[in-house]
Amino acid sequence: MASFTDLSVQLLLLATLFPTLALSYINSATTSIHQNATKSSAYRARLVTTLECWRRRTSSVARVFLVEVVGSGIYAAHASFNDHGVPPPPARWKGSCDAGQCNNKLIGAKSLIAGDDSDDEDGHGTHTSSTAAGNFVTGASYTGVGTGTPAGIAPSAHIAMYKVCVARDCKSSAILAGLEEAIKDGVDVLSLSLGSSTSANFDQDPISIGAFSAVSKGILVVCATGNSGPFQRSVTNEAPWLLTVAASSVDRSFGANIHLGNGKSIDGEALTQIANPSSKLHSLLYSEE
C-alpha cells in the first residue's frame, strides 16, 4: 500500500525542483515498501528528525509553543508531563486547568462533556499528548525493552488538553466546543488524533469546520489520517487546510531467538526480554494444547 507520507514527499520535491510545472494527473503504481522509511526518504528529501527538534529546545521560539490536544483526556500525574526546564506559560495564555495537577508543562485541562472531568479513561489522550510534547523521562522502558530517555517531539512546549471523547465516543458538539475553546485560549498548534471511520464532506465534518476557524487565525491544525483501510476513501481529515499525517512501516525489531534441543535456532521477535536467559530446555507446547 502506498504511503500518504511518501506521496506528500514526492509532491514537495516536484514543487521545489520544478516550480513552474503544471500537474496533469496522479496515477497509482505498485512499488516495494521501504523498510527504513522512518530513517530516511527514498526520494532524498531532507527529513527533520526528532533529535534535531530536541537540539533546538533551547531556542526562544520552541519554548513559547502552546500545543493543544483534543482527545480522551489526560493523566496529569504522568512522568512525561513533568515541567523540568519548562518556563511558565506566556502572558497571552488564557486557559484554565481542572485536573488539579497542572504545572509549567501541562498548563491547561478541561472537559467539554457535561458532568465529566478531564481525566483520561483509556490512555489515548495521555499517549498522544506525550508523543507530541512530552518532557524527557529518564530510565523509561516497556517491560524492560528499549530502556532509555524518551520524550515527545517538542519537549519544551506547553500542553493543554481538551477532553471531547468518552469511551471512544466523540460527539460533534464536543469537538467543535473544544476547538472553539482552544482558539479563545490562545494556542499555537492544535493536535487531533481522532476522526470518523470514513471520509466526510468538509461542511459536515466538525473537525474540518472547527479547524477552518483555527487556521484563519494562524493556528496550525495537525490531524491523524485514520486507522482504517486500505479501501476507497479510507483516509480521513483530508481538508486542504489541515496538516494530515500518517505512518507506514517501522524499522525497529526486537530480536528473540529460540534454541532447540537438536541444535537448531529459530529467529523471532518478542517484547519480553530476559537479561540472563536460562539454558534449561523445556518441552514444546502446541496451540491445541
C-alpha atoms as a PDB file:
ATOM      1  CA  MET A   1       0.000   0.000   0.000  1.00  0.00           C
ATOM      2  CA  ALA A   2       1.358   3.398  -0.917  1.00  0.00           C
ATOM      3  CA  SER A   3       2.001   5.798   1.932  1.00  0.00           C
ATOM      4  CA  PHE A   4       0.320   9.201   2.070  1.00  0.00           C
ATOM      5  CA  THR A   5       3.576  10.468   3.573  1.00  0.00           C
ATOM      6  CA  ASP A   6       5.558   9.215   0.564  1.00  0.00           C
ATOM      7  CA  LEU A   7       3.110  10.955  -1.794  1.00  0.00           C
ATOM      8  CA  SER A   8       3.477  14.263   0.023  1.00  0.00           C
ATOM      9  CA  VAL A   9       7.272  13.979  -0.174  1.00  0.00           C
ATOM     10  CA  GLN A  10       7.090  13.439  -3.945  1.00  0.00           C
ATOM     11  CA  LEU A  11       4.794  16.426  -4.454  1.00  0.00           C
ATOM     12  CA  LEU A  12       7.047  18.596  -2.307  1.00  0.00           C
ATOM     13  CA  LEU A  13      10.067  17.607  -4.371  1.00  0.00           C
ATOM     14  CA  LEU A  14       8.252  18.322  -7.632  1.00  0.00           C
ATOM     15  CA  ALA A  15       7.221  21.758  -6.411  1.00  0.00           C
ATOM     16  CA  THR A  16      10.794  22.503  -5.329  1.00  0.00           C
ATOM     17  CA  LEU A  17      12.596  21.235  -8.428  1.00  0.00           C
ATOM     18  CA  PHE A  18      10.039  22.378 -10.997  1.00  0.00           C
ATOM     19  CA  PRO A  19       8.228  25.468  -9.638  1.00  0.00           C
ATOM     20  CA  THR A  20       6.515  26.157 -12.971  1.00  0.00           C
ATOM     21  CA  LEU A  21       5.383  22.567 -13.524  1.00  0.00           C
ATOM     22  CA  ALA A  22       1.651  22.040 -14.101  1.00  0.00           C
ATOM     23  CA  LEU A  23       0.370  18.779 -12.567  1.00  0.00           C
ATOM     24  CA  SER A  24      -1.782  16.914 -15.103  1.00  0.00           C
ATOM     25  CA  TYR A  25      -2.825  13.892 -13.076  1.00  0.00           C
ATOM     26  CA  ILE A  26      -1.759  11.466 -10.330  1.00  0.00           C
ATOM     27  CA  ASN A  27      -1.622   7.766 -11.113  1.00  0.00           C
ATOM     28  CA  SER A  28      -1.136   4.954  -8.587  1.00  0.00           C
ATOM     29  CA  ALA A  29       1.685   2.468  -9.028  1.00  0.00           C
ATOM     30  CA  THR A  30       2.732  -0.566  -7.035  1.00  0.00           C
ATOM     31  CA  THR A  31       6.182  -0.201  -5.515  1.00  0.00           C
ATOM     32  CA  SER A  32       8.181  -2.022  -2.905  1.00  0.00           C
ATOM     33  CA  ILE A  33       7.810  -0.992   0.712  1.00  0.00           C
ATOM     34  CA  HIS A  34      10.817   0.833   2.131  1.00  0.00           C
ATOM     35  CA  GLN A  35      11.647  -0.923   5.364  1.00  0.00           C
ATOM     36  CA  ASN A  36      13.760   2.003   6.547  1.00  0.00           C
ATOM     37  CA  ALA A  37      11.054   4.597   5.960  1.00  0.00           C
ATOM     38  CA  THR A  38      11.371   6.075   9.437  1.00  0.00           C
ATOM     39  CA  LYS A  39      15.091   6.773   8.996  1.00  0.00           C
ATOM     40  CA  SER A  40      15.330   8.233   5.521  1.00  0.00           C
ATOM     41  CA  SER A  41      13.415   9.041   2.374  1.00  0.00           C
ATOM     42  CA  ALA A  42      13.755   7.074  -0.839  1.00  0.00           C
ATOM     43  CA  TYR A  43      13.444  10.394  -2.672  1.00  0.00           C
ATOM     44  CA  ARG A  44      16.296  12.018  -0.728  1.00  0.00           C
ATOM     45  CA  ALA A  45      14.064  14.685   0.738  1.00  0.00           C
ATOM     46  CA  ARG A  46      15.524  16.160   3.900  1.00  0.00           C
ATOM     47  CA  LEU A  47      13.705  14.877   6.970  1.00  0.00           C
ATOM     48  CA  VAL A  48      13.669  16.776  10.254  1.00  0.00           C
ATOM     49  CA  THR A  49      14.411  14.141  12.873  1.00  0.00           C
ATOM     50  CA  THR A  50      13.257  14.087  16.473  1.00  0.00           C
ATOM     51  CA  LEU A  51      16.834  14.530  17.676  1.00  0.00           C
ATOM     52  CA  GLU A  52      17.113  17.712  15.610  1.00  0.00           C
ATOM     53  CA  CYS A  53      13.960  19.053  17.251  1.00  0.00           C
ATOM     54  CA  TRP A  54      15.391  18.234  20.675  1.00  0.00           C
ATOM     55  CA  ARG A  55      18.620  20.081  19.920  1.00  0.00           C
ATOM     56  CA  ARG A  56      16.551  23.185  19.230  1.00  0.00           C
ATOM     57  CA  ARG A  57      14.710  23.049  22.565  1.00  0.00           C
ATOM     58  CA  THR A  58      16.731  25.957  23.999  1.00  0.00           C
ATOM     59  CA  SER A  59      15.536  28.417  21.366  1.00  0.00           C
ATOM     60  CA  SER A  60      13.030  31.064  22.422  1.00  0.00           C
ATOM     61  CA  VAL A  61      10.765  30.096  19.535  1.00  0.00           C
ATOM     62  CA  ALA A  62      10.428  26.486  20.675  1.00  0.00           C
ATOM     63  CA  ARG A  63       9.651  27.488  24.240  1.00  0.00           C
ATOM     64  CA  VAL A  64       6.529  29.539  23.564  1.00  0.00           C
ATOM     65  CA  PHE A  65       4.593  26.922  21.612  1.00  0.00           C
ATOM     66  CA  LEU A  66       1.243  26.030  23.128  1.00  0.00           C
ATOM     67  CA  VAL A  67       0.258  22.569  21.912  1.00  0.00           C
ATOM     68  CA  GLU A  68      -3.416  21.839  22.432  1.00  0.00           C
ATOM     69  CA  VAL A  69      -4.585  18.235  22.196  1.00  0.00           C
ATOM     70  CA  VAL A  70      -8.220  17.334  21.567  1.00  0.00           C
ATOM     71  CA  GLY A  71      -8.856  13.818  22.803  1.00  0.00           C
ATOM     72  CA  SER A  72      -9.945  11.477  25.583  1.00  0.00           C
ATOM     73  CA  GLY A  73      -8.477  13.469  28.482  1.00  0.00           C
ATOM     74  CA  ILE A  74      -5.117  13.315  30.210  1.00  0.00           C
ATOM     75  CA  TYR A  75      -3.440  11.661  33.206  1.00  0.00           C
ATOM     76  CA  ALA A  76      -1.862  14.750  34.728  1.00  0.00           C
ATOM     77  CA  ALA A  77       0.480  12.838  37.064  1.00  0.00           C
ATOM     78  CA  HIS A  78       2.232  11.023  34.202  1.00  0.00           C
ATOM     79  CA  ALA A  79       6.017  11.420  34.253  1.00  0.00           C
ATOM     80  CA  SER A  80       6.027  12.838  30.711  1.00  0.00           C
ATOM     81  CA  PHE A  81       4.285  15.947  31.994  1.00  0.00           C
ATOM     82  CA  ASN A  82       6.979  16.985  34.457  1.00  0.00           C
ATOM     83  CA  ASP A  83       7.952  20.628  33.982  1.00  0.00           C
ATOM     84  CA  HIS A  84      11.710  20.380  34.473  1.00  0.00           C
ATOM     85  CA  GLY A  85      13.319  23.032  32.270  1.00  0.00           C
ATOM     86  CA  VAL A  86       9.961  24.337  31.013  1.00  0.00           C
ATOM     87  CA  PRO A  87       9.318  28.068  31.601  1.00  0.00           C
ATOM     88  CA  PRO A  88       5.968  29.475  32.770  1.00  0.00           C
ATOM     89  CA  PRO A  89       3.299  29.882  30.082  1.00  0.00           C
ATOM     90  CA  PRO A  90       3.298  33.191  28.189  1.00  0.00           C
ATOM     91  CA  ALA A  91       1.055  36.020  29.311  1.00  0.00           C
ATOM     92  CA  ARG A  92      -1.177  35.545  26.273  1.00  0.00           C
ATOM     93  CA  TRP A  93      -2.344  32.145  27.594  1.00  0.00           C
ATOM     94  CA  LYS A  94      -5.974  32.427  28.730  1.00  0.00           C
ATOM     95  CA  GLY A  95      -6.768  28.776  29.501  1.00  0.00           C
ATOM     96  CA  SER A  96      -7.587  27.052  32.769  1.00  0.00           C
ATOM     97  CA  CYS A  97      -6.933  23.710  34.433  1.00  0.00           C
ATOM     98  CA  ASP A  98      -9.397  21.442  36.220  1.00  0.00           C
ATOM     99  CA  ALA A  99      -7.004  18.489  36.530  1.00  0.00           C
ATOM    100  CA  GLY A 100      -5.626  19.702  39.861  1.00  0.00           C
ATOM    101  CA  GLN A 101      -2.021  18.846  38.944  1.00  0.00           C
ATOM    102  CA  CYS A 102      -1.132  21.350  36.245  1.00  0.00           C
ATOM    103  CA  ASN A 103       2.319  22.926  36.110  1.00  0.00           C
ATOM    104  CA  ASN A 104       4.506  24.739  33.576  1.00  0.00           C
ATOM    105  CA  LYS A 105       4.315  21.737  31.213  1.00  0.00           C
ATOM    106  CA  LEU A 106       0.614  20.853  31.500  1.00  0.00           C
ATOM    107  CA  ILE A 107      -0.902  24.325  31.644  1.00  0.00           C
ATOM    108  CA  GLY A 108      -4.498  23.511  30.781  1.00  0.00           C
ATOM    109  CA  ALA A 109      -7.004  20.676  31.095  1.00  0.00           C
ATOM    110  CA  LYS A 110     -10.754  20.826  30.774  1.00  0.00           C
ATOM    111  CA  SER A 111     -13.656  18.672  29.666  1.00  0.00           C
ATOM    112  CA  LEU A 112     -16.202  19.764  27.098  1.00  0.00           C
ATOM    113  CA  ILE A 113     -18.519  16.941  28.156  1.00  0.00           C
ATOM    114  CA  ALA A 114     -21.258  17.811  30.641  1.00  0.00           C
ATOM    115  CA  GLY A 115     -20.753  16.228  34.052  1.00  0.00           C
ATOM    116  CA  ASP A 116     -17.304  14.847  33.229  1.00  0.00           C
ATOM    117  CA  ASP A 117     -13.760  15.811  34.205  1.00  0.00           C
ATOM    118  CA  SER A 118     -10.536  15.945  32.204  1.00  0.00           C
ATOM    119  CA  ASP A 119      -9.167  12.590  33.436  1.00  0.00           C
ATOM    120  CA  ASP A 120      -8.121  10.099  30.767  1.00  0.00           C
ATOM    121  CA  GLU A 121     -10.216   6.926  30.913  1.00  0.00           C
ATOM    122  CA  ASP A 122      -8.470   4.839  28.250  1.00  0.00           C
ATOM    123  CA  GLY A 123      -4.968   6.315  27.975  1.00  0.00           C
ATOM    124  CA  HIS A 124      -5.262   7.543  24.394  1.00  0.00           C
ATOM    125  CA  GLY A 125      -5.174  11.257  25.187  1.00  0.00           C
ATOM    126  CA  THR A 126      -2.219  10.781  27.527  1.00  0.00           C
ATOM    127  CA  HIS A 127      -0.380   8.794  24.856  1.00  0.00           C
ATOM    128  CA  THR A 128      -0.921  11.339  22.081  1.00  0.00           C
ATOM    129  CA  SER A 129      -0.078  14.293  24.342  1.00  0.00           C
ATOM    130  CA  SER A 130       3.226  12.760  25.425  1.00  0.00           C
ATOM    131  CA  THR A 131       4.047  11.873  21.812  1.00  0.00           C
ATOM    132  CA  ALA A 132       3.525  15.473  20.719  1.00  0.00           C
ATOM    133  CA  ALA A 133       5.176  17.341  23.583  1.00  0.00           C
ATOM    134  CA  GLY A 134       6.089  15.066  26.491  1.00  0.00           C
ATOM    135  CA  ASN A 135       9.113  16.081  28.536  1.00  0.00           C
ATOM    136  CA  PHE A 136      12.228  13.912  28.953  1.00  0.00           C
ATOM    137  CA  VAL A 137      11.812  10.888  31.259  1.00  0.00           C
ATOM    138  CA  THR A 138      14.955   9.057  32.348  1.00  0.00           C
ATOM    139  CA  GLY A 139      15.104   5.292  32.782  1.00  0.00           C
ATOM    140  CA  ALA A 140      11.864   4.507  30.951  1.00  0.00           C
ATOM    141  CA  SER A 141      11.217   1.148  29.261  1.00  0.00           C
ATOM    142  CA  TYR A 142       8.457  -1.201  28.174  1.00  0.00           C
ATOM    143  CA  THR A 143       8.736  -4.412  30.221  1.00  0.00           C
ATOM    144  CA  GLY A 144      12.491  -3.920  30.196  1.00  0.00           C
ATOM    145  CA  VAL A 145      12.704  -3.304  26.438  1.00  0.00           C
ATOM    146  CA  GLY A 146      14.252  -0.161  24.980  1.00  0.00           C
ATOM    147  CA  THR A 147      15.399   1.360  28.255  1.00  0.00           C
ATOM    148  CA  GLY A 148      16.364   4.968  27.700  1.00  0.00           C
ATOM    149  CA  THR A 149      15.154   8.565  27.865  1.00  0.00           C
ATOM    150  CA  PRO A 150      12.040   9.122  25.744  1.00  0.00           C
ATOM    151  CA  ALA A 151      10.439  12.478  25.007  1.00  0.00           C
ATOM    152  CA  GLY A 152       7.866  13.969  22.693  1.00  0.00           C
ATOM    153  CA  ILE A 153       8.604  15.884  19.513  1.00  0.00           C
ATOM    154  CA  ALA A 154       8.544  19.257  21.320  1.00  0.00           C
ATOM    155  CA  PRO A 155       9.624  18.569  24.927  1.00  0.00           C
ATOM    156  CA  SER A 156       9.792  22.266  25.863  1.00  0.00           C
ATOM    157  CA  ALA A 157       6.321  23.121  24.577  1.00  0.00           C
ATOM    158  CA  HIS A 158       3.363  23.671  26.869  1.00  0.00           C
ATOM    159  CA  ILE A 159       0.413  21.252  26.703  1.00  0.00           C
ATOM    160  CA  ALA A 160      -3.304  21.855  27.149  1.00  0.00           C
ATOM    161  CA  MET A 161      -5.864  19.048  26.934  1.00  0.00           C
ATOM    162  CA  TYR A 162      -9.482  19.496  25.874  1.00  0.00           C
ATOM    163  CA  LYS A 163     -11.443  16.323  26.539  1.00  0.00           C
ATOM    164  CA  VAL A 164     -14.096  15.661  23.901  1.00  0.00           C
ATOM    165  CA  CYS A 165     -14.267  11.843  23.924  1.00  0.00           C
ATOM    166  CA  VAL A 166     -15.606   9.277  26.398  1.00  0.00           C
ATOM    167  CA  ALA A 167     -15.040   5.564  25.755  1.00  0.00           C
ATOM    168  CA  ARG A 168     -14.067   6.408  22.151  1.00  0.00           C
ATOM    169  CA  ASP A 169     -17.357   8.264  21.658  1.00  0.00           C
ATOM    170  CA  CYS A 170     -16.506  11.720  20.321  1.00  0.00           C
ATOM    171  CA  LYS A 171     -19.587  13.861  19.746  1.00  0.00           C
ATOM    172  CA  SER A 172     -19.523  16.569  17.096  1.00  0.00           C
ATOM    173  CA  SER A 173     -20.757  19.202  19.538  1.00  0.00           C
ATOM    174  CA  ALA A 174     -17.919  18.439  21.976  1.00  0.00           C
ATOM    175  CA  ILE A 175     -15.285  18.523  19.214  1.00  0.00           C
ATOM    176  CA  LEU A 176     -16.474  21.914  17.984  1.00  0.00           C
ATOM    177  CA  ALA A 177     -16.636  23.244  21.548  1.00  0.00           C
ATOM    178  CA  GLY A 178     -13.090  22.035  22.224  1.00  0.00           C
ATOM    179  CA  LEU A 179     -11.721  23.701  19.118  1.00  0.00           C
ATOM    180  CA  GLU A 180     -13.511  26.957  19.941  1.00  0.00           C
ATOM    181  CA  GLU A 181     -12.116  26.918  23.490  1.00  0.00           C
ATOM    182  CA  ALA A 182      -8.592  26.325  22.205  1.00  0.00           C
ATOM    183  CA  ILE A 183      -8.829  29.248  19.809  1.00  0.00           C
ATOM    184  CA  LYS A 184     -10.010  31.563  22.596  1.00  0.00           C
ATOM    185  CA  ASP A 185      -7.294  30.329  24.965  1.00  0.00           C
ATOM    186  CA  GLY A 186      -4.523  31.285  22.529  1.00  0.00           C
ATOM    187  CA  VAL A 187      -2.881  28.042  21.399  1.00  0.00           C
ATOM    188  CA  ASP A 188      -0.277  27.841  18.618  1.00  0.00           C
ATOM    189  CA  VAL A 189      -0.826  24.246  17.491  1.00  0.00           C
ATOM    190  CA  LEU A 190      -3.897  22.000  17.561  1.00  0.00           C
ATOM    191  CA  SER A 191      -3.319  18.239  17.557  1.00  0.00           C
ATOM    192  CA  LEU A 192      -6.198  15.831  16.922  1.00  0.00           C
ATOM    193  CA  SER A 193      -5.723  12.080  16.822  1.00  0.00           C
ATOM    194  CA  LEU A 194      -9.369  11.371  16.105  1.00  0.00           C
ATOM    195  CA  GLY A 195     -11.833  11.356  13.241  1.00  0.00           C
ATOM    196  CA  SER A 196     -14.622   9.400  11.597  1.00  0.00           C
ATOM    197  CA  SER A 197     -14.086   5.890  10.248  1.00  0.00           C
ATOM    198  CA  THR A 198     -14.758   7.101   6.702  1.00  0.00           C
ATOM    199  CA  SER A 199     -14.210  10.321   4.805  1.00  0.00           C
ATOM    200  CA  ALA A 200     -16.888  13.010   5.288  1.00  0.00           C
ATOM    201  CA  ASN A 201     -17.834  16.161   3.398  1.00  0.00           C
ATOM    202  CA  PHE A 202     -15.955  19.164   4.743  1.00  0.00           C
ATOM    203  CA  ASP A 203     -19.145  21.106   5.507  1.00  0.00           C
ATOM    204  CA  GLN A 204     -20.481  18.200   7.593  1.00  0.00           C
ATOM    205  CA  ASP A 205     -17.295  17.323   9.462  1.00  0.00           C
ATOM    206  CA  PRO A 206     -16.808  19.038  12.859  1.00  0.00           C
ATOM    207  CA  ILE A 207     -13.019  18.791  12.644  1.00  0.00           C
ATOM    208  CA  SER A 208     -12.906  20.441   9.212  1.00  0.00           C
ATOM    209  CA  ILE A 209     -15.321  23.167  10.305  1.00  0.00           C
ATOM    210  CA  GLY A 210     -13.591  23.953  13.601  1.00  0.00           C
ATOM    211  CA  ALA A 211     -10.115  23.720  12.097  1.00  0.00           C
ATOM    212  CA  PHE A 212     -11.035  26.211   9.378  1.00  0.00           C
ATOM    213  CA  SER A 213     -11.683  28.839  12.050  1.00  0.00           C
ATOM    214  CA  ALA A 214      -8.410  27.963  13.785  1.00  0.00           C
ATOM    215  CA  VAL A 215      -6.323  28.165  10.612  1.00  0.00           C
ATOM    216  CA  SER A 216      -7.884  31.509   9.698  1.00  0.00           C
ATOM    217  CA  LYS A 217      -6.410  32.816  12.973  1.00  0.00           C
ATOM    218  CA  GLY A 218      -2.933  31.464  12.252  1.00  0.00           C
ATOM    219  CA  ILE A 219      -3.172  28.238  14.260  1.00  0.00           C
ATOM    220  CA  LEU A 220      -1.615  25.091  12.786  1.00  0.00           C
ATOM    221  CA  VAL A 221      -4.016  22.125  12.931  1.00  0.00           C
ATOM    222  CA  VAL A 222      -2.451  18.653  12.771  1.00  0.00           C
ATOM    223  CA  CYS A 223      -4.669  15.585  12.360  1.00  0.00           C
ATOM    224  CA  ALA A 224      -4.250  11.839  12.057  1.00  0.00           C
ATOM    225  CA  THR A 225      -5.233  10.281   8.748  1.00  0.00           C
ATOM    226  CA  GLY A 226      -7.101   7.430  10.451  1.00  0.00           C
ATOM    227  CA  ASN A 227      -6.690   3.736  11.231  1.00  0.00           C
ATOM    228  CA  SER A 228      -8.927   2.257   8.532  1.00  0.00           C
ATOM    229  CA  GLY A 229      -8.190   0.790   5.126  1.00  0.00           C
ATOM    230  CA  PRO A 230      -6.985   0.101   2.647  1.00  0.00           C
ATOM    231  CA  PHE A 231     -10.235   0.750   0.826  1.00  0.00           C
ATOM    232  CA  GLN A 232     -11.804   3.598  -1.113  1.00  0.00           C
ATOM    233  CA  ARG A 233     -11.986   6.873   0.854  1.00  0.00           C
ATOM    234  CA  SER A 234     -10.410   5.352   3.965  1.00  0.00           C
ATOM    235  CA  VAL A 235      -8.245   8.454   4.503  1.00  0.00           C
ATOM    236  CA  THR A 236      -9.883  10.922   6.889  1.00  0.00           C
ATOM    237  CA  ASN A 237      -9.164  14.524   7.869  1.00  0.00           C
ATOM    238  CA  GLU A 238      -8.136  15.402   4.315  1.00  0.00           C
ATOM    239  CA  ALA A 239      -9.366  19.014   4.220  1.00  0.00           C
ATOM    240  CA  PRO A 240      -6.728  21.163   2.464  1.00  0.00           C
ATOM    241  CA  TRP A 241      -6.325  23.463   5.482  1.00  0.00           C
ATOM    242  CA  LEU A 242      -5.281  20.538   7.714  1.00  0.00           C
ATOM    243  CA  LEU A 243      -1.795  19.084   8.129  1.00  0.00           C
ATOM    244  CA  THR A 244      -2.757  15.411   7.956  1.00  0.00           C
ATOM    245  CA  VAL A 245      -0.078  12.922   8.945  1.00  0.00           C
ATOM    246  CA  ALA A 246       0.270   9.161   8.584  1.00  0.00           C
ATOM    247  CA  ALA A 247       2.770   6.409   9.264  1.00  0.00           C
ATOM    248  CA  SER A 248       3.549   3.291   7.278  1.00  0.00           C
ATOM    249  CA  SER A 249       6.189   0.700   8.126  1.00  0.00           C
ATOM    250  CA  VAL A 250       8.563   0.898  11.069  1.00  0.00           C
ATOM    251  CA  ASP A 251      12.217  -0.042  11.043  1.00  0.00           C
ATOM    252  CA  ARG A 252      12.577  -1.417  14.563  1.00  0.00           C
ATOM    253  CA  SER A 253      12.724  -5.052  15.618  1.00  0.00           C
ATOM    254  CA  PHE A 254      13.096  -6.746  18.977  1.00  0.00           C
ATOM    255  CA  GLY A 255      15.004  -9.931  18.353  1.00  0.00           C
ATOM    256  CA  ALA A 256      14.402 -13.099  20.362  1.00  0.00           C
ATOM    257  CA  ASN A 257      15.780 -16.460  19.234  1.00  0.00           C
ATOM    258  CA  ILE A 258      14.513 -19.917  20.114  1.00  0.00           C
ATOM    259  CA  HIS A 259      17.189 -22.573  20.624  1.00  0.00           C
ATOM    260  CA  LEU A 260      16.004 -26.160  20.181  1.00  0.00           C
ATOM    261  CA  GLY A 261      17.452 -29.279  21.719  1.00  0.00           C
ATOM    262  CA  ASN A 262      18.602 -30.552  18.327  1.00  0.00           C
ATOM    263  CA  GLY A 263      20.896 -27.542  17.959  1.00  0.00           C
ATOM    264  CA  LYS A 264      18.691 -25.537  15.594  1.00  0.00           C
ATOM    265  CA  SER A 265      17.866 -21.882  16.231  1.00  0.00           C
ATOM    266  CA  ILE A 266      14.770 -20.002  15.050  1.00  0.00           C
ATOM    267  CA  ASP A 267      14.893 -16.240  14.701  1.00  0.00           C
ATOM    268  CA  GLY A 268      11.897 -14.407  16.102  1.00  0.00           C
ATOM    269  CA  GLU A 269      10.748 -11.325  17.977  1.00  0.00           C
ATOM    270  CA  ALA A 270       9.374 -10.718  21.457  1.00  0.00           C
ATOM    271  CA  LEU A 271       8.710  -7.749  23.712  1.00  0.00           C
ATOM    272  CA  THR A 272       9.678  -9.777  26.773  1.00  0.00           C
ATOM    273  CA  GLN A 273      13.442  -9.569  27.112  1.00  0.00           C
ATOM    274  CA  ILE A 274      15.328 -11.645  29.694  1.00  0.00           C
ATOM    275  CA  ALA A 275      18.742 -10.343  30.713  1.00  0.00           C
ATOM    276  CA  ASN A 276      20.178 -13.746  31.705  1.00  0.00           C
ATOM    277  CA  PRO A 277      18.133 -16.464  29.992  1.00  0.00           C
ATOM    278  CA  SER A 278      18.269 -19.971  31.407  1.00  0.00           C
ATOM    279  CA  SER A 279      19.912 -22.727  29.381  1.00  0.00           C
ATOM    280  CA  LYS A 280      17.372 -25.251  30.673  1.00  0.00           C
ATOM    281  CA  LEU A 281      15.352 -26.975  27.928  1.00  0.00           C
ATOM    282  CA  HIS A 282      11.550 -27.096  28.061  1.00  0.00           C
ATOM    283  CA  SER A 283       9.039 -29.197  26.147  1.00  0.00           C
ATOM    284  CA  LEU A 284       7.292 -27.544  23.211  1.00  0.00           C
ATOM    285  CA  LEU A 285       3.638 -26.628  23.661  1.00  0.00           C
ATOM    286  CA  TYR A 286       1.332 -26.710  20.644  1.00  0.00           C
ATOM    287  CA  SER A 287      -1.663 -24.456  20.113  1.00  0.00           C
ATOM    288  CA  GLU A 288      -4.200 -27.262  20.534  1.00  0.00           C
ATOM    289  CA  GLU A 289      -2.819 -27.928  23.995  1.00  0.00           C
END
